[in-house]
Amino acid sequence: MEGAVGMKDEKVQERWIQHYSSRHQILLVGEANFSFAASLATVFGSAHNMVATSLDSRELVEEKHPSARANLQLLEQLGCNILHQVDATAMIRDPRLDSKLFDRIVFNFPHAGLTFNKSDPFQIELHSSVVKGFLKNAYEMLRESGQVHITLKTAHPFNKWKIEDLAEDVGLNLAEKVEFSIYQYPGYRNKRGHGSRSDRTFPVRECSTFKFCKMEGAVAMKDEKVQERWIQHYSSRHQILLVGEGNFSFSASLAIVFGSAYNMVATSLDSRELLEEKHPSARANLQLLEQSGCTILHQVDATAMIRDPRLDSKLFDRIVFNFPHAGLTSNESHPSQIELHCNVVKGFLKNAYEMLRKSGQVHITHKTSHPFSKWKIEDLAEDAGLDLAEKVEFSIYQYPGYRNKKGYGSRSDRTFPVGECSTFKFCKKLN
């Protein structure tokens, strides 16, 4: 499968930690004390899906980092493939990694060691050379819908490395940029790795994980005059289709951050007249979207949108359906009601598959507690030819101005508590 390990073992529960799944084939590059690898393996309960590497020999790793020995022992016990003396800029030629392909290739805080002041142009050039060499190699070792992750400080002088430009030079596009917190990885202790203070940690402060994919996974043309802007999983350079909008406040939230909506198509099942009758706030959101250049389409059936002539031949980087719902005919827990919901989701996923760019993603935001867990949307996606690439916790506060709506019945304009909720990101399977 293209975006995840293909074989689904019903006996082994899939486990996630941030952007990483126990079903991903993961290559970790430039490990210091191997605490990041150990953090992932502890959550997964296994490390058979992981290859963890260091530039130093094992002897030098343990000499520099006393804590490394315990981490390495844990990883060995959990089945991790551990490789030492792996040069990130030449790993494609390492016979131990020959012909291996990965879903995630990860390099946290790449560094060339200090020869000059960290702000010196020569020092920045050294760092940039390491990153570019790594990216060139990672490109060749990446599955078609895989991702290369680099976690890096974003303040001066680290922003001078311009890693997005380095990635573009080797055929990779920025798919997503997310804030990094070391506390998201229990047990991880970042290390300097060089000099007399090699075992000391360093403050990360302003820091992000940059997720890169092969060119077809994002809009490849880079307009130097327009600054790329992000809100969570969405970029102003993505071609985005929004399905099943209520009062169009989610679309408006994205458009405000982007400063434009020319890259967006926002749709509703209802006509404009019915929409504005149900949701008085919709009118202002629609006006804002129109002024921002958004393509707005009404009376679009999520389960038949591939046949809508207004969407004919269009392909997207992100197709988004927040809180899909079939309307209530019985209690939410009733099997017949669950079946109605599942039919809507399955129909949407089948259509979305056909409208998705090769390395694009379909996003469904959905409650995960009972009875919503009974929908089993991961199974529905698999039936439609899609794999789960990532599952991330959803917070409505991440999208300023977004107001979720029931959308049906006499209380259609009321919001509802989201409770335990996640965004499921699906990608195409490898044929």
Protein backbone atom coordinates (compact mmCIF):
# COMPACT_ATOMS: atom_id res chain seq x y z
CA MET A 1 0.00 0.00 0.00
CA GLU A 2 1.20 3.43 -0.87
CA GLY A 3 0.68 5.41 2.32
CA ALA A 4 0.96 2.71 4.96
CA VAL A 5 2.04 -0.87 5.50
CA GLY A 6 -0.31 -2.85 3.32
CA MET A 7 -1.03 -6.03 5.19
CA LYS A 8 -3.74 -5.52 7.77
CA ASP A 9 -3.26 -7.92 10.66
CA GLU A 10 -6.51 -8.08 12.62
CA LYS A 11 -4.66 -9.54 15.60
CA VAL A 12 -2.33 -6.57 15.93
CA GLN A 13 -3.88 -3.25 16.90
CA GLU A 14 -2.54 -0.27 14.99
CA ARG A 15 -0.96 2.28 17.32
CA TRP A 16 -0.11 5.92 16.71
CA ILE A 17 2.20 8.50 18.19
CA GLN A 18 1.76 11.89 16.51
CA HIS A 19 2.58 11.42 12.79
CA TYR A 20 3.78 7.83 13.08
CA SER A 21 1.90 4.53 12.95
CA SER A 22 2.96 1.02 13.89
CA ARG A 23 2.01 0.09 10.31
CA HIS A 24 4.41 2.58 8.72
CA GLN A 25 7.81 1.40 7.55
CA ILE A 26 9.98 4.02 9.30
CA LEU A 27 13.61 5.01 8.77
CA LEU A 28 15.12 7.17 11.52
CA VAL A 29 18.30 9.00 10.56
CA GLY A 30 20.94 10.68 12.72
CA GLU A 31 19.83 9.23 16.06
CA ALA A 32 21.99 10.33 18.99
CA ASN A 33 21.03 8.42 22.16
CA PHE A 34 18.23 6.59 20.29
CA SER A 35 15.61 8.00 22.66
CA PHE A 36 13.33 9.15 19.82
CA ALA A 37 13.35 5.66 18.32
CA ALA A 38 12.71 4.21 21.79
CA SER A 39 9.78 6.58 22.34
CA LEU A 40 8.08 5.38 19.15
CA ALA A 41 8.81 1.72 19.83
CA THR A 42 7.43 1.93 23.37
CA VAL A 43 4.11 3.29 22.09
CA PHE A 44 3.95 0.79 19.21
CA GLY A 45 4.80 -2.13 21.50
CA SER A 46 7.14 -3.33 18.76
CA ALA A 47 9.85 -1.97 16.49
CA HIS A 48 9.80 -4.54 13.66
CA ASN A 49 8.63 -1.72 11.34
CA MET A 50 11.58 0.52 12.21
CA VAL A 51 15.17 1.02 11.04
CA ALA A 52 17.08 3.35 13.40
CA THR A 53 20.49 4.67 12.40
CA SER A 54 23.36 6.74 13.76
CA LEU A 55 26.36 8.40 12.14
CA ASP A 56 28.64 7.25 14.99
CA SER A 57 29.72 3.69 15.72
CA ARG A 58 27.98 1.90 18.57
CA GLU A 59 31.03 2.32 20.77
CA LEU A 60 31.16 6.05 20.18
CA VAL A 61 27.37 6.41 20.65
CA GLU A 62 27.56 4.73 24.07
CA GLU A 63 30.65 6.76 24.99
CA LYS A 64 28.98 10.05 24.09
CA HIS A 65 25.55 9.17 25.49
CA PRO A 66 25.43 6.90 28.56
CA SER A 67 21.65 6.60 28.23
CA ALA A 68 21.98 5.10 24.74
CA ARG A 69 22.78 1.59 25.98
CA ALA A 70 19.37 1.11 27.63
CA ASN A 71 17.56 2.56 24.61
CA LEU A 72 19.45 0.29 22.22
CA GLN A 73 18.71 -2.76 24.36
CA LEU A 74 15.01 -1.88 24.41
CA LEU A 75 14.96 -1.43 20.63
CA GLU A 76 16.74 -4.74 20.06
CA GLN A 77 14.26 -6.52 22.31
CA LEU A 78 11.38 -5.00 20.31
CA GLY A 79 12.81 -6.08 16.96
CA CYS A 80 14.24 -2.81 15.62
CA ASN A 81 16.85 -2.97 12.87
CA ILE A 82 19.71 -0.83 14.28
CA LEU A 83 22.47 0.40 11.98
CA HIS A 84 25.51 2.45 12.96
CA GLN A 85 27.93 4.48 10.85
CA VAL A 86 25.20 5.46 8.39
CA ASP A 87 25.92 8.73 6.55
CA ALA A 88 22.62 10.54 5.91
CA THR A 89 24.09 12.08 2.76
CA ALA A 90 25.12 8.72 1.26
CA MET A 91 22.72 6.18 2.76
CA ILE A 92 21.31 5.16 -0.63
CA ARG A 93 24.69 3.48 -1.28
CA ASP A 94 24.76 1.64 2.06
CA PRO A 95 24.36 -2.09 1.26
CA ARG A 96 22.48 -2.60 4.53
CA LEU A 97 19.73 -0.31 3.20
CA ASP A 98 19.85 -1.55 -0.37
CA SER A 99 16.45 -1.56 -2.15
CA LYS A 100 14.51 -0.67 0.99
CA LEU A 101 11.59 1.77 0.68
CA PHE A 102 9.88 3.60 3.53
CA ASP A 103 6.62 5.37 4.41
CA ARG A 104 8.35 7.81 6.76
CA ILE A 105 11.99 8.93 6.71
CA VAL A 106 12.80 11.08 9.74
CA PHE A 107 15.75 13.34 10.58
CA ASN A 108 15.35 15.32 13.79
CA PHE A 109 17.53 18.42 14.19
CA PRO A 110 20.03 17.76 11.39
CA HIS A 111 23.39 19.36 12.13
CA ALA A 112 26.84 19.44 10.53
CA GLY A 113 28.71 20.11 13.78
CA LEU A 114 30.05 23.57 14.62
CA THR A 115 33.07 24.88 12.74
CA PHE A 116 32.08 28.56 12.76
CA ASN A 117 29.51 30.67 14.60
CA LYS A 118 26.02 29.31 13.92
CA SER A 119 25.11 32.56 12.11
CA ASP A 120 28.18 32.49 9.88
CA PRO A 121 27.31 31.95 6.18
CA PHE A 122 29.93 29.18 5.93
CA GLN A 123 28.37 27.35 8.88
CA ILE A 124 24.89 27.71 7.39
CA GLU A 125 26.24 26.34 4.11
CA LEU A 126 27.65 23.30 5.93
CA HIS A 127 24.28 22.59 7.55
CA SER A 128 22.45 23.11 4.27
CA SER A 129 24.78 20.67 2.50
CA VAL A 130 23.94 17.97 5.05
CA VAL A 131 20.19 18.58 4.69
CA LYS A 132 20.31 18.62 0.89
CA GLY A 133 22.37 15.44 0.77
CA PHE A 134 19.93 13.75 3.12
CA LEU A 135 16.92 14.87 1.07
CA LYS A 136 18.45 13.61 -2.19
CA ASN A 137 18.97 10.19 -0.64
CA ALA A 138 15.58 10.16 1.10
CA TYR A 139 13.81 10.89 -2.19
CA GLU A 140 15.18 7.65 -3.67
CA MET A 141 14.19 5.62 -0.60
CA LEU A 142 10.65 6.96 -0.27
CA ARG A 143 7.50 5.10 -1.21
CA GLU A 144 5.31 6.93 -3.72
CA SER A 145 3.04 8.48 -1.09
CA GLY A 146 5.58 8.46 1.72
CA GLN A 147 6.83 11.49 3.61
CA VAL A 148 10.23 12.83 4.62
CA HIS A 149 10.13 14.57 8.01
CA ILE A 150 12.69 17.10 9.21
CA THR A 151 12.28 18.68 12.63
CA LEU A 152 14.15 21.96 12.87
CA LYS A 153 14.22 25.24 14.75
CA THR A 154 12.51 28.00 12.77
CA ALA A 155 13.98 31.12 14.39
CA HIS A 156 17.10 32.97 13.18
CA PRO A 157 19.62 31.73 12.06
CA PHE A 158 18.01 28.35 11.39
CA ASN A 159 15.47 29.87 9.02
CA LYS A 160 18.46 30.81 6.83
CA TRP A 161 18.87 27.13 5.96
CA LYS A 162 15.75 27.45 3.74
CA ILE A 163 14.99 23.77 3.86
CA GLU A 164 11.83 24.15 1.77
CA ASP A 165 13.98 25.39 -1.11
CA LEU A 166 16.47 22.56 -0.54
CA ALA A 167 13.63 20.05 -0.70
CA GLU A 168 12.21 21.57 -3.86
CA ASP A 169 15.63 21.31 -5.52
CA VAL A 170 15.57 17.53 -5.10
CA GLY A 171 11.94 17.00 -6.17
CA LEU A 172 10.11 17.26 -2.85
CA ASN A 173 7.28 19.61 -1.88
CA LEU A 174 6.19 20.75 1.54
CA ALA A 175 2.99 18.82 2.32
CA GLU A 176 2.57 20.12 5.88
CA LYS A 177 4.39 22.08 8.55
CA VAL A 178 3.36 21.42 12.15
CA GLU A 179 4.56 22.81 15.45
CA PHE A 180 6.87 20.44 17.30
CA SER A 181 6.80 19.79 21.03
CA ILE A 182 9.29 17.44 22.63
CA TYR A 183 6.64 16.51 25.21
CA GLN A 184 4.66 14.72 22.48
CA TYR A 185 7.31 11.97 22.55
CA PRO A 186 7.62 10.54 26.09
CA GLY A 187 11.22 9.74 26.97
CA TYR A 188 12.76 11.63 24.04
CA ARG A 189 15.83 13.65 25.01
CA ASN A 190 17.38 15.66 22.21
CA LYS A 191 21.20 15.78 22.30
CA ARG A 192 23.83 18.09 20.86
CA GLY A 193 25.84 15.12 19.58
CA HIS A 194 29.02 17.07 18.90
CA GLY A 195 31.90 18.59 20.89
CA SER A 196 32.65 18.29 24.59
CA ARG A 197 28.96 18.84 25.46
CA SER A 198 27.65 16.19 23.10
CA ASP A 199 25.35 14.60 25.72
CA ARG A 200 23.67 17.87 26.71
CA THR A 201 20.19 18.72 25.54
CA PHE A 202 19.44 22.03 23.83
CA PRO A 203 16.34 24.25 24.01
CA VAL A 204 14.10 23.74 20.96
CA ARG A 205 11.83 26.79 21.45
CA GLU A 206 10.31 27.80 18.09
CA CYS A 207 10.41 24.55 16.19
CA SER A 208 8.44 22.68 13.52
CA THR A 209 8.28 19.34 11.79
CA PHE A 210 8.42 19.86 8.02
CA LYS A 211 6.69 17.06 6.10
CA PHE A 212 7.80 16.67 2.49
CA CYS A 213 6.35 14.48 -0.24
CA LYS A 214 7.19 13.82 -3.86
CA MET A 215 6.19 16.58 -6.27
CA GLU A 216 2.81 15.15 -7.21
CA GLY A 217 1.70 15.34 -3.56
CA ALA A 218 1.36 19.12 -3.57
CA VAL A 219 1.07 21.96 -6.02
CA ALA A 220 4.50 21.88 -7.64
CA MET A 221 4.62 25.35 -9.09
CA LYS A 222 6.08 27.77 -6.57
CA ASP A 223 4.95 31.39 -6.96
CA GLU A 224 7.67 33.51 -5.40
CA LYS A 225 5.33 36.50 -5.16
CA VAL A 226 2.79 34.70 -2.99
CA GLN A 227 3.77 33.60 0.51
CA GLU A 228 2.61 30.11 1.42
CA ARG A 229 0.32 30.09 4.45
CA TRP A 230 -0.76 27.20 6.63
CA ILE A 231 -3.60 26.37 8.99
CA GLN A 232 -3.14 22.95 10.57
CA HIS A 233 -3.09 20.37 7.71
CA TYR A 234 -3.95 22.82 4.94
CA SER A 235 -1.76 25.05 2.79
CA SER A 236 -2.63 27.93 0.51
CA ARG A 237 -0.81 25.93 -2.20
CA HIS A 238 -3.06 22.88 -1.85
CA GLN A 239 -6.01 22.45 -4.20
CA ILE A 240 -8.74 21.83 -1.62
CA LEU A 241 -12.27 20.43 -2.02
CA LEU A 242 -14.56 20.95 0.99
CA VAL A 243 -17.63 18.72 1.08
CA GLY A 244 -20.84 18.96 3.12
CA GLU A 245 -20.32 22.47 4.44
CA GLY A 246 -22.98 23.71 6.87
CA ASN A 247 -22.70 27.46 7.34
CA PHE A 248 -19.41 27.56 5.40
CA SER A 249 -17.52 28.73 8.50
CA PHE A 250 -14.82 26.07 8.08
CA SER A 251 -14.12 27.25 4.53
CA ALA A 252 -14.12 30.85 5.72
CA SER A 253 -11.64 29.99 8.50
CA LEU A 254 -9.18 28.59 5.94
CA ALA A 255 -9.68 31.46 3.50
CA ILE A 256 -9.00 34.11 6.16
CA VAL A 257 -5.68 32.50 7.09
CA PHE A 258 -4.69 31.97 3.45
CA GLY A 259 -5.66 35.54 2.53
CA SER A 260 -7.27 34.06 -0.59
CA ALA A 261 -9.53 31.17 -1.59
CA TYR A 262 -8.65 30.70 -5.26
CA ASN A 263 -7.29 27.25 -4.35
CA MET A 264 -10.58 26.14 -2.77
CA VAL A 265 -13.86 24.61 -3.94
CA ALA A 266 -16.45 24.65 -1.13
CA THR A 267 -19.71 22.70 -1.50
CA SER A 268 -22.99 22.10 0.29
CA LEU A 269 -25.75 19.52 -0.15
CA ASP A 270 -28.44 22.20 0.30
CA SER A 271 -29.35 24.93 -2.16
CA ARG A 272 -28.15 28.45 -1.33
CA GLU A 273 -31.68 29.51 -0.41
CA LEU A 274 -32.18 26.61 2.00
CA LEU A 275 -28.68 27.06 3.39
CA GLU A 276 -29.25 30.71 4.29
CA GLU A 277 -32.63 29.82 5.76
CA LYS A 278 -31.09 27.12 7.97
CA HIS A 279 -27.94 29.08 8.90
CA PRO A 280 -28.29 32.89 9.12
CA SER A 281 -24.50 33.20 9.53
CA ALA A 282 -23.92 31.50 6.17
CA ARG A 283 -24.59 34.64 4.13
CA ALA A 284 -21.61 36.55 5.56
CA ASN A 285 -19.33 33.53 5.18
CA LEU A 286 -20.38 33.03 1.56
CA GLN A 287 -19.80 36.69 0.77
CA LEU A 288 -16.32 36.53 2.29
CA LEU A 289 -15.51 33.39 0.28
CA GLU A 290 -16.78 34.91 -2.96
CA GLN A 291 -14.68 38.04 -2.37
CA SER A 292 -11.66 35.77 -1.73
CA GLY A 293 -12.06 33.91 -5.02
CA CYS A 294 -13.51 30.62 -3.73
CA THR A 295 -15.52 28.42 -6.11
CA ILE A 296 -18.82 27.79 -4.28
CA LEU A 297 -21.11 24.98 -5.40
CA HIS A 298 -24.51 24.07 -3.91
CA GLN A 299 -26.61 20.93 -4.23
CA VAL A 300 -23.51 18.70 -4.44
CA ASP A 301 -24.14 15.13 -3.31
CA ALA A 302 -20.99 13.79 -1.62
CA THR A 303 -21.88 10.27 -2.75
CA ALA A 304 -22.22 11.23 -6.43
CA MET A 305 -19.94 14.26 -6.86
CA ILE A 306 -17.76 12.53 -9.46
CA ARG A 307 -20.73 12.81 -11.85
CA ASP A 308 -21.33 16.52 -11.16
CA PRO A 309 -20.36 18.38 -14.37
CA ARG A 310 -19.21 21.36 -12.30
CA LEU A 311 -16.48 19.14 -10.82
CA ASP A 312 -15.67 17.29 -14.02
CA SER A 313 -12.00 16.29 -14.39
CA LYS A 314 -10.89 18.27 -11.32
CA LEU A 315 -8.24 16.71 -9.07
CA PHE A 316 -7.38 17.81 -5.54
CA ASP A 317 -4.59 17.62 -2.96
CA ARG A 318 -7.01 17.62 -0.04
CA ILE A 319 -10.66 16.49 -0.01
CA VAL A 320 -12.30 17.31 3.33
CA PHE A 321 -15.59 16.16 4.88
CA ASN A 322 -16.11 17.30 8.47
CA PHE A 323 -18.61 15.34 10.57
CA PRO A 324 -20.38 13.43 7.79
CA HIS A 325 -23.98 12.61 8.73
CA ALA A 326 -27.01 11.06 7.03
CA GLY A 327 -29.61 12.86 9.17
CA LEU A 328 -31.51 11.13 11.95
CA THR A 329 -34.29 8.63 11.29
CA SER A 330 -33.71 6.69 14.53
CA ASN A 331 -31.39 6.69 17.55
CA GLU A 332 -27.67 7.19 16.76
CA SER A 333 -26.92 3.77 18.27
CA HIS A 334 -29.48 1.89 16.18
CA PRO A 335 -27.91 -0.43 13.59
CA SER A 336 -30.10 0.93 10.79
CA GLN A 337 -29.02 4.51 11.58
CA ILE A 338 -25.37 3.49 11.67
CA GLU A 339 -25.83 1.79 8.29
CA LEU A 340 -27.25 5.01 6.82
CA HIS A 341 -24.23 6.98 8.05
CA CYS A 342 -21.83 4.35 6.71
CA ASN A 343 -23.48 4.46 3.28
CA VAL A 344 -22.86 8.22 3.11
CA VAL A 345 -19.22 7.87 4.16
CA LYS A 346 -18.57 4.93 1.83
CA GLY A 347 -20.14 6.76 -1.11
CA PHE A 348 -18.09 9.86 -0.36
CA LEU A 349 -14.84 7.88 -0.13
CA LYS A 350 -15.46 6.10 -3.44
CA ASN A 351 -16.01 9.45 -5.16
CA ALA A 352 -13.10 11.13 -3.38
CA TYR A 353 -10.74 8.37 -4.51
CA GLU A 354 -11.43 9.25 -8.16
CA MET A 355 -10.93 12.98 -7.55
CA LEU A 356 -7.70 12.70 -5.58
CA ARG A 357 -4.23 13.47 -6.88
CA LYS A 358 -1.82 10.57 -6.70
CA SER A 359 -0.29 11.68 -3.41
CA GLY A 360 -3.27 13.66 -2.13
CA GLN A 361 -5.21 12.99 1.06
CA VAL A 362 -8.88 12.54 1.97
CA HIS A 363 -9.67 13.96 5.42
CA ILE A 364 -12.68 12.96 7.51
CA THR A 365 -13.15 14.58 10.90
CA HIS A 366 -15.29 12.33 13.06
CA LYS A 367 -16.19 11.54 16.65
CA THR A 368 -14.38 8.46 17.91
CA SER A 369 -16.46 7.46 20.97
CA HIS A 370 -19.47 5.10 20.96
CA PRO A 371 -21.61 4.83 18.83
CA PHE A 372 -19.58 6.73 16.21
CA SER A 373 -16.75 4.23 16.53
CA LYS A 374 -19.18 1.65 15.14
CA TRP A 375 -19.01 3.33 11.74
CA LYS A 376 -15.53 1.81 11.29
CA ILE A 377 -14.49 4.39 8.73
CA GLU A 378 -11.00 2.89 8.37
CA ASP A 379 -12.60 -0.28 7.01
CA LEU A 380 -14.87 1.77 4.73
CA ALA A 381 -11.82 3.59 3.40
CA GLU A 382 -9.95 0.36 2.80
CA ASP A 383 -12.90 -0.96 0.80
CA ALA A 384 -12.68 2.18 -1.36
CA GLY A 385 -8.96 1.71 -2.07
CA LEU A 386 -7.66 4.08 0.61
CA ASP A 387 -5.28 3.55 3.53
CA LEU A 388 -5.04 5.43 6.80
CA ALA A 389 -1.94 7.62 6.59
CA GLU A 390 -2.43 9.47 9.88
CA LYS A 391 -4.99 10.02 12.62
CA VAL A 392 -4.71 13.26 14.61
CA GLU A 393 -6.73 14.68 17.46
CA PHE A 394 -9.14 17.41 16.35
CA SER A 395 -9.80 20.65 18.22
CA ILE A 396 -12.35 23.13 16.91
CA TYR A 397 -10.25 25.94 18.41
CA GLN A 398 -7.55 25.30 15.80
CA TYR A 399 -9.86 26.88 13.20
CA PRO A 400 -10.81 30.41 14.30
CA GLY A 401 -14.40 31.24 13.46
CA TYR A 402 -15.45 27.66 12.71
CA ARG A 403 -18.86 26.76 14.13
CA ASN A 404 -19.99 23.19 13.53
CA LYS A 405 -23.72 22.81 12.84
CA LYS A 406 -26.23 19.95 13.14
CA GLY A 407 -27.56 20.77 9.67
CA TYR A 408 -30.78 18.76 9.91
CA GLY A 409 -34.18 19.00 11.65
CA SER A 410 -35.63 21.90 13.63
CA ARG A 411 -32.29 22.48 15.39
CA SER A 412 -30.19 22.55 12.22
CA ASP A 413 -28.37 25.77 13.17
CA ARG A 414 -27.29 24.53 16.59
CA THR A 415 -23.76 23.43 17.28
CA PHE A 416 -23.01 20.05 18.83
CA PRO A 417 -20.27 18.97 21.27
CA VAL A 418 -17.48 17.22 19.36
CA GLY A 419 -16.14 15.37 22.42
CA GLU A 420 -13.50 12.77 21.53
CA CYS A 421 -12.78 13.51 17.93
CA SER A 422 -10.06 12.94 15.30
CA THR A 423 -9.17 13.85 11.75
CA PHE A 424 -8.55 10.68 9.75
CA LYS A 425 -6.18 11.23 6.81
CA PHE A 426 -6.43 8.69 4.02
CA CYS A 427 -4.22 8.19 0.95
CA LYS A 428 -4.39 5.95 -2.08
CA LYS A 429 -3.21 2.36 -1.93
CA LEU A 430 -0.35 1.27 -4.15
CA ASN A 431 -1.66 -0.65 -7.15
